[in-house]
N, C-alpha and C. Protein backbone atom coordinates (compact mmCIF):
# COMPACT_ATOMS: atom_id res chain seq x y z
N MET A 1 -14.08 20.33 10.00
CA MET A 1 -13.70 19.54 8.77
C MET A 1 -13.84 18.27 8.71
N SER A 2 -14.53 17.53 7.82
CA SER A 2 -14.70 16.09 7.30
C SER A 2 -13.94 15.11 8.09
N THR A 3 -14.17 14.17 7.76
CA THR A 3 -12.95 13.12 8.41
C THR A 3 -12.48 12.74 6.85
N ASP A 4 -13.29 12.62 5.39
CA ASP A 4 -12.32 12.70 4.58
C ASP A 4 -11.49 13.26 4.13
N PHE A 5 -11.78 15.09 4.69
CA PHE A 5 -11.03 15.63 4.02
C PHE A 5 -9.58 15.54 5.52
N THR A 6 -9.28 15.55 6.65
CA THR A 6 -8.83 15.00 6.99
C THR A 6 -7.85 13.79 7.03
N LEU A 7 -8.35 12.82 6.52
CA LEU A 7 -7.76 11.42 6.17
C LEU A 7 -7.31 12.25 4.91
N LEU A 8 -7.55 12.56 3.67
CA LEU A 8 -6.67 12.85 3.15
C LEU A 8 -5.08 13.58 3.26
N LYS A 9 -5.68 15.10 3.56
CA LYS A 9 -4.79 15.79 4.06
C LYS A 9 -3.81 15.10 4.76
N ASP A 10 -3.62 14.09 5.98
CA ASP A 10 -2.87 13.18 6.66
C ASP A 10 -2.28 12.87 5.27
N ARG A 11 -2.27 12.34 4.54
CA ARG A 11 -2.21 11.03 3.30
C ARG A 11 -1.17 12.33 2.31
N VAL A 12 -1.86 13.16 2.35
CA VAL A 12 -0.75 14.45 1.43
C VAL A 12 0.57 14.87 2.28
N ILE A 13 -0.02 15.28 3.31
CA ILE A 13 1.53 15.22 4.28
C ILE A 13 2.66 14.06 4.37
N LYS A 14 2.23 13.11 4.95
CA LYS A 14 2.47 11.63 4.95
C LYS A 14 3.43 11.23 3.57
N SER A 15 2.52 11.93 2.22
CA SER A 15 3.67 11.33 1.08
C SER A 15 4.21 12.65 0.84
N MET A 16 4.52 13.39 1.55
CA MET A 16 5.63 14.59 1.38
C MET A 16 6.48 14.86 2.61
N TYR A 17 6.36 14.02 3.13
CA TYR A 17 6.55 14.89 4.67
C TYR A 17 8.70 14.62 4.40
N HIS A 18 9.04 13.87 3.84
CA HIS A 18 10.48 13.87 3.70
C HIS A 18 10.88 15.56 2.83
N GLN A 19 9.99 15.72 2.18
CA GLN A 19 10.44 17.20 1.34
C GLN A 19 9.85 18.42 1.89
N LEU A 20 9.08 18.23 2.93
CA LEU A 20 8.34 19.70 3.87
C LEU A 20 8.43 19.54 5.04
N ALA A 21 8.99 18.57 5.95
CA ALA A 21 8.97 18.79 6.95
C ALA A 21 10.67 19.25 7.37
N VAL A 22 10.98 20.37 8.44
CA VAL A 22 11.94 20.70 8.88
C VAL A 22 12.53 20.18 10.16
N GLY A 23 12.04 19.23 10.64
CA GLY A 23 12.20 18.64 12.09
C GLY A 23 11.63 19.47 13.31
N ASP A 24 11.54 20.59 13.14
CA ASP A 24 10.70 21.41 14.46
C ASP A 24 8.93 21.43 14.47
N THR A 25 8.49 20.95 15.53
CA THR A 25 6.90 21.34 16.06
C THR A 25 7.01 22.15 16.67
N ILE A 26 5.35 22.79 16.54
CA ILE A 26 4.74 23.74 17.48
C ILE A 26 3.68 22.76 18.62
N GLY A 27 3.84 22.79 19.58
CA GLY A 27 2.84 21.87 20.12
C GLY A 27 3.55 20.48 19.40
N THR A 28 2.04 19.53 18.77
CA THR A 28 2.53 18.76 18.43
C THR A 28 2.48 18.43 17.08
N GLN A 29 2.70 19.48 16.43
CA GLN A 29 2.45 19.41 15.23
C GLN A 29 3.75 20.02 14.45
N SER A 30 4.02 19.30 13.62
CA SER A 30 5.24 19.30 12.83
C SER A 30 5.49 21.02 12.29
N ILE A 31 6.63 21.69 12.19
CA ILE A 31 6.48 22.81 11.10
C ILE A 31 6.92 22.18 9.82
N LEU A 32 5.91 22.48 8.57
CA LEU A 32 6.06 22.09 7.24
C LEU A 32 6.94 23.28 6.55
N SER A 33 8.01 22.96 6.19
CA SER A 33 8.67 24.11 5.60
C SER A 33 8.22 24.39 3.55
N ILE A 34 7.35 24.86 3.22
CA ILE A 34 6.15 24.93 1.61
C ILE A 34 7.55 26.07 1.30
N ASN A 35 7.86 25.57 -0.12
CA ASN A 35 8.77 26.93 -0.47
C ASN A 35 8.10 27.16 -2.55
N PRO A 36 8.18 27.64 -2.81
CA PRO A 36 8.31 27.57 -4.86
C PRO A 36 8.66 26.36 -5.03
N LYS A 37 9.86 25.85 -4.87
CA LYS A 37 10.41 24.82 -4.75
C LYS A 37 9.22 23.29 -4.98
N ASN A 38 9.17 23.22 -4.18
CA ASN A 38 8.47 22.02 -3.38
C ASN A 38 6.74 22.40 -3.97
N ALA A 39 6.59 23.62 -3.94
CA ALA A 39 4.98 24.09 -4.23
C ALA A 39 3.82 23.09 -5.16
N ILE A 40 4.84 23.09 -6.25
CA ILE A 40 4.28 22.35 -7.47
C ILE A 40 4.60 20.76 -7.10
N ASP A 41 5.41 20.14 -6.67
CA ASP A 41 5.42 19.41 -6.11
C ASP A 41 3.99 18.61 -5.11
N LEU A 42 3.53 19.41 -4.33
CA LEU A 42 2.70 19.91 -3.29
C LEU A 42 1.56 19.65 -4.32
N ILE A 43 1.34 19.95 -5.27
CA ILE A 43 -0.20 20.02 -6.20
C ILE A 43 -0.47 18.84 -6.60
N ILE A 44 0.88 18.12 -6.95
CA ILE A 44 0.79 16.91 -7.75
C ILE A 44 1.02 15.78 -6.90
N LYS A 45 1.07 16.22 -5.84
CA LYS A 45 0.94 15.27 -4.76
C LYS A 45 -0.16 14.90 -4.28
N THR A 46 -0.64 15.80 -4.07
CA THR A 46 -2.51 16.29 -3.40
C THR A 46 -3.59 15.71 -4.62
N MET A 47 -3.06 16.32 -6.25
CA MET A 47 -3.74 15.50 -6.99
C MET A 47 -3.57 13.69 -6.50
N SER A 48 -2.57 13.40 -7.21
CA SER A 48 -2.68 11.80 -7.24
C SER A 48 -3.37 11.28 -5.81
N VAL A 49 -3.14 11.88 -4.40
CA VAL A 49 -3.66 10.93 -3.60
C VAL A 49 -5.25 11.65 -3.57
N VAL A 50 -5.89 12.69 -4.04
CA VAL A 50 -7.19 12.77 -4.09
C VAL A 50 -7.93 11.34 -5.33
N GLU A 51 -7.33 11.84 -6.44
CA GLU A 51 -7.26 10.57 -7.67
C GLU A 51 -7.79 9.03 -6.84
N ASN A 52 -6.70 8.95 -6.38
CA ASN A 52 -6.46 7.16 -5.69
C ASN A 52 -7.45 7.17 -4.61
N TYR A 53 -8.31 8.08 -3.99
CA TYR A 53 -8.93 7.68 -2.43
C TYR A 53 -10.29 7.81 -3.58
N LYS A 54 -11.19 6.69 -2.78
CA LYS A 54 -12.07 6.17 -3.28
C LYS A 54 -13.39 7.10 -3.27
N SER A 55 -13.93 7.76 -3.93
CA SER A 55 -14.89 8.99 -3.92
C SER A 55 -15.46 9.34 -4.42
N ASN A 56 -16.73 9.73 -4.32
CA ASN A 56 -17.57 10.31 -5.74
C ASN A 56 -17.52 11.67 -6.18
N VAL A 57 -16.53 12.39 -5.72
CA VAL A 57 -15.77 14.18 -5.73
C VAL A 57 -15.30 13.95 -7.41
N THR A 58 -15.79 14.39 -8.41
CA THR A 58 -15.70 14.22 -9.54
C THR A 58 -14.94 16.03 -10.36
N GLY A 59 -14.84 16.07 -11.30
CA GLY A 59 -14.24 17.15 -12.46
C GLY A 59 -13.90 18.38 -11.35
N ASP A 60 -14.71 19.52 -11.40
CA ASP A 60 -14.44 20.56 -10.57
C ASP A 60 -14.16 20.40 -9.21
N SER A 61 -15.46 19.80 -8.95
CA SER A 61 -15.01 19.76 -7.40
C SER A 61 -14.24 18.91 -6.61
N LYS A 62 -13.47 18.58 -7.73
CA LYS A 62 -12.41 17.40 -7.16
C LYS A 62 -10.92 18.12 -7.49
N LYS A 63 -11.06 19.08 -8.16
CA LYS A 63 -9.58 20.22 -7.69
C LYS A 63 -10.18 21.32 -6.77
N GLN A 64 -11.75 21.49 -6.67
CA GLN A 64 -11.52 22.69 -5.36
C GLN A 64 -11.67 21.65 -4.24
N LEU A 65 -11.67 20.57 -3.95
CA LEU A 65 -10.98 19.71 -3.04
C LEU A 65 -9.33 19.34 -2.41
N VAL A 66 -8.72 19.55 -3.77
CA VAL A 66 -7.18 19.17 -4.02
C VAL A 66 -6.55 20.69 -3.32
N LEU A 67 -7.21 21.97 -4.25
CA LEU A 67 -7.05 22.74 -3.81
C LEU A 67 -7.35 23.47 -2.02
N ASN A 68 -8.47 23.11 -2.00
CA ASN A 68 -9.04 23.06 -0.33
C ASN A 68 -8.07 22.53 0.43
N LEU A 69 -7.46 21.33 0.67
CA LEU A 69 -6.18 20.80 0.84
C LEU A 69 -4.91 21.61 1.07
N ILE A 70 -4.84 21.82 -0.03
CA ILE A 70 -2.94 22.64 -0.20
C ILE A 70 -3.74 23.80 0.62
N TYR A 71 -4.69 24.83 0.64
CA TYR A 71 -4.60 25.53 1.36
C TYR A 71 -4.54 25.68 2.54
N ASP A 72 -5.37 24.04 3.50
CA ASP A 72 -4.93 24.14 4.45
C ASP A 72 -3.74 23.60 4.92
N ILE A 73 -3.49 22.44 4.34
CA ILE A 73 -1.83 22.34 4.69
C ILE A 73 -0.91 23.75 4.90
N ILE A 74 -0.82 24.75 3.92
CA ILE A 74 -0.32 26.09 3.82
C ILE A 74 -0.98 27.09 5.09
N ASP A 75 -1.78 26.89 5.55
CA ASP A 75 -2.35 27.66 6.29
C ASP A 75 -1.70 27.25 8.16
N THR A 76 -1.37 25.38 8.10
CA THR A 76 -1.15 25.24 9.16
C THR A 76 0.43 24.65 9.07
N SER A 77 1.22 24.86 8.59
CA SER A 77 1.93 24.75 8.30
C SER A 77 3.19 25.12 9.04
N GLY A 78 3.31 26.19 9.64
CA GLY A 78 3.90 26.94 10.71
C GLY A 78 4.96 27.61 9.62
N ILE A 79 4.89 28.37 8.47
CA ILE A 79 5.41 29.83 7.74
C ILE A 79 5.05 30.49 8.02
N ASN A 80 6.20 31.76 7.76
CA ASN A 80 5.36 33.27 8.49
C ASN A 80 4.53 33.29 7.39
N GLU A 81 4.16 34.78 7.69
CA GLU A 81 2.44 35.25 7.13
C GLU A 81 2.67 35.75 5.45
N GLU A 82 4.11 36.27 5.40
CA GLU A 82 4.66 36.79 4.15
C GLU A 82 4.73 35.91 3.14
N ASN A 83 5.19 34.35 3.44
CA ASN A 83 5.63 33.64 2.68
C ASN A 83 4.58 32.58 2.65
N LYS A 84 3.37 32.32 3.35
CA LYS A 84 2.26 31.83 2.49
C LYS A 84 1.61 32.53 1.79
N ILE A 85 2.03 34.20 2.21
CA ILE A 85 0.92 35.21 0.76
C ILE A 85 1.54 34.48 -0.21
N PHE A 86 2.84 34.49 -0.22
CA PHE A 86 3.82 34.55 -1.96
C PHE A 86 3.54 32.91 -1.99
N ILE A 87 3.43 32.15 -1.40
CA ILE A 87 2.82 30.80 -1.80
C ILE A 87 1.54 30.86 -2.44
N VAL A 88 0.86 31.09 -1.96
CA VAL A 88 -0.64 31.12 -2.10
C VAL A 88 -0.73 31.77 -3.59
N GLN A 89 -0.04 32.96 -3.57
CA GLN A 89 -0.17 33.94 -4.83
C GLN A 89 0.57 32.36 -5.72
N LEU A 90 1.49 31.90 -5.59
CA LEU A 90 2.10 31.60 -7.10
C LEU A 90 1.28 30.51 -7.03
N ILE A 91 0.41 29.44 -6.19
CA ILE A 91 -0.30 28.13 -6.44
C ILE A 91 -1.79 28.72 -7.49
N ASN A 92 -1.77 29.70 -6.74
CA ASN A 92 -3.02 30.82 -7.92
C ASN A 92 -2.79 30.80 -9.26
N ASN A 93 -1.80 31.37 -9.24
CA ASN A 93 -0.97 31.26 -10.93
C ASN A 93 -0.75 30.27 -11.34
N VAL A 94 -0.08 29.27 -10.94
CA VAL A 94 -0.37 27.90 -11.59
C VAL A 94 -0.77 26.95 -11.58
N PHE A 95 -2.14 27.01 -10.88
CA PHE A 95 -2.97 25.63 -10.46
C PHE A 95 -3.77 25.47 -11.44
N ASP A 96 -4.55 25.76 -12.12
CA ASP A 96 -5.28 25.56 -13.38
C ASP A 96 -4.75 25.52 -14.60
N PRO A 97 -3.59 26.05 -14.69
CA PRO A 97 -2.78 25.14 -16.36
C PRO A 97 -2.02 23.96 -16.01
N LEU A 98 -1.78 24.18 -14.81
CA LEU A 98 -0.89 22.81 -14.45
C LEU A 98 -2.13 21.32 -14.07
N VAL A 99 -2.92 22.13 -13.61
CA VAL A 99 -3.86 21.00 -13.38
C VAL A 99 -4.41 20.29 -14.99
N GLU A 100 -5.06 21.24 -15.96
CA GLU A 100 -5.72 21.13 -17.16
C GLU A 100 -4.05 20.18 -17.75
N ASN A 101 -3.09 20.73 -17.64
CA ASN A 101 -2.10 19.71 -18.19
C ASN A 101 -1.91 18.41 -17.79
N ILE A 102 -1.72 18.28 -16.70
CA ILE A 102 -1.18 16.61 -16.03
C ILE A 102 -2.66 16.08 -16.41
N ILE A 103 -3.89 16.84 -16.70
CA ILE A 103 -4.91 16.05 -16.48
C ILE A 103 -4.66 15.55 -18.52
N ASP A 104 -4.74 16.37 -19.43
CA ASP A 104 -4.23 15.72 -20.84
C ASP A 104 -3.30 15.11 -20.80
N VAL A 105 -2.04 14.87 -20.32
CA VAL A 105 -1.05 14.26 -20.25
C VAL A 105 -1.67 12.66 -19.91
N SER A 106 -1.81 12.61 -18.74
CA SER A 106 -2.85 11.50 -18.15
C SER A 106 -3.55 10.98 -19.06
N LYS A 107 -4.29 11.67 -19.93
CA LYS A 107 -4.85 10.67 -20.78
C LYS A 107 -4.82 10.64 -22.26
N GLY A 108 -2.90 11.37 -22.35
CA GLY A 108 -2.59 10.90 -23.36
C GLY A 108 -2.72 11.99 -24.92
N GLN A 109 -3.85 13.20 -23.98
CA GLN A 109 -4.18 14.04 -25.32
C GLN A 109 -3.12 15.29 -25.32
N THR A 110 -2.05 15.38 -25.18
CA THR A 110 -0.57 16.14 -25.08
C THR A 110 0.59 15.35 -25.02
N ASN A 111 1.51 16.02 -25.20
CA ASN A 111 2.62 15.59 -25.48
C ASN A 111 3.38 16.40 -24.53
N ILE A 112 4.00 15.49 -23.97
CA ILE A 112 4.70 15.86 -22.43
C ILE A 112 5.86 16.76 -22.19
N ASN A 113 6.79 16.50 -23.77
CA ASN A 113 8.15 17.30 -23.95
C ASN A 113 7.81 18.55 -24.25
N LYS A 114 6.39 19.36 -25.37
CA LYS A 114 5.89 20.32 -25.56
C LYS A 114 5.75 20.95 -23.98
N LYS A 115 5.16 20.43 -23.30
CA LYS A 115 4.27 20.88 -21.91
C LYS A 115 5.17 21.09 -21.01
N THR A 116 6.18 20.36 -20.92
CA THR A 116 7.19 20.45 -19.99
C THR A 116 7.60 22.17 -19.81
N ASN A 117 8.24 22.33 -21.32
CA ASN A 117 8.65 23.90 -21.50
C ASN A 117 7.68 25.13 -21.33
N TRP A 118 6.56 24.48 -21.73
CA TRP A 118 5.70 25.45 -21.10
C TRP A 118 5.56 25.94 -19.94
N ILE A 119 5.10 24.62 -19.21
CA ILE A 119 4.94 24.76 -17.81
C ILE A 119 6.18 25.73 -16.80
N LEU A 120 7.47 24.86 -17.25
CA LEU A 120 9.08 25.63 -16.82
C LEU A 120 8.52 27.11 -16.81
N ASN A 121 8.46 27.76 -18.25
CA ASN A 121 8.05 29.41 -18.66
C ASN A 121 7.01 29.85 -17.63
N LEU A 122 6.36 29.15 -17.28
CA LEU A 122 5.27 29.55 -16.61
C LEU A 122 5.82 29.93 -15.35
N PHE A 123 5.97 28.42 -14.83
CA PHE A 123 7.06 28.97 -13.58
C PHE A 123 7.69 29.89 -13.34
N ASN A 124 8.42 29.86 -13.97
CA ASN A 124 9.98 30.84 -13.83
C ASN A 124 9.27 32.62 -14.13
N LYS A 125 8.37 32.65 -14.69
CA LYS A 125 7.41 33.84 -14.92
C LYS A 125 6.60 34.14 -13.35
N CYS A 126 6.46 33.57 -12.95
CA CYS A 126 5.30 33.52 -12.11
C CYS A 126 6.44 33.66 -10.90
N ILE A 127 7.53 33.14 -10.62
CA ILE A 127 8.84 33.67 -9.36
C ILE A 127 9.24 34.83 -9.79
N ASN A 128 9.68 34.89 -10.86
CA ASN A 128 10.45 36.31 -11.34
C ASN A 128 9.48 37.52 -10.99
N LYS A 129 8.23 37.63 -11.85
CA LYS A 129 7.17 38.49 -10.55
C LYS A 129 6.66 38.34 -9.30
N ASN A 130 7.34 37.90 -8.69
CA ASN A 130 6.92 37.78 -7.23
C ASN A 130 8.20 37.29 -6.47
N SER A 131 9.62 37.87 -6.53
CA SER A 131 10.68 37.20 -5.75
C SER A 131 10.44 37.81 -4.75
N VAL A 132 9.58 37.43 -3.86
CA VAL A 132 10.01 37.83 -2.27
C VAL A 132 10.88 37.14 -1.05
N LEU A 133 10.97 36.01 -2.01
CA LEU A 133 11.51 34.86 -1.03
C LEU A 133 13.13 35.49 -1.36
């Protein structure tokens, strides 16, 4: 794992620690609680951390970096395998449309009120389709 990747992962976890930490540890690692409620926040926060990091990564490479960070955080979170699978499926279902909408909104290319309803509907469909938790 590269130094930049590790640095970005640490920044994401630190910026979301109050939302993700459950207070328990495995060895020296805190157990993180990632669930459908904070998975979207995890995507958004990871995008923000990667965007603000001074790097020459752009476009699809940046999206892939965000996904890799999220998957690594989930993989090392301490949640059980069943929940990991569910969260990864959720992220796979909402990641691309969510990222594209966030980019469009940040560039002023879309009306946030219209997109908010669309995103909520998409998220609800994913939750109802995969309600494992």
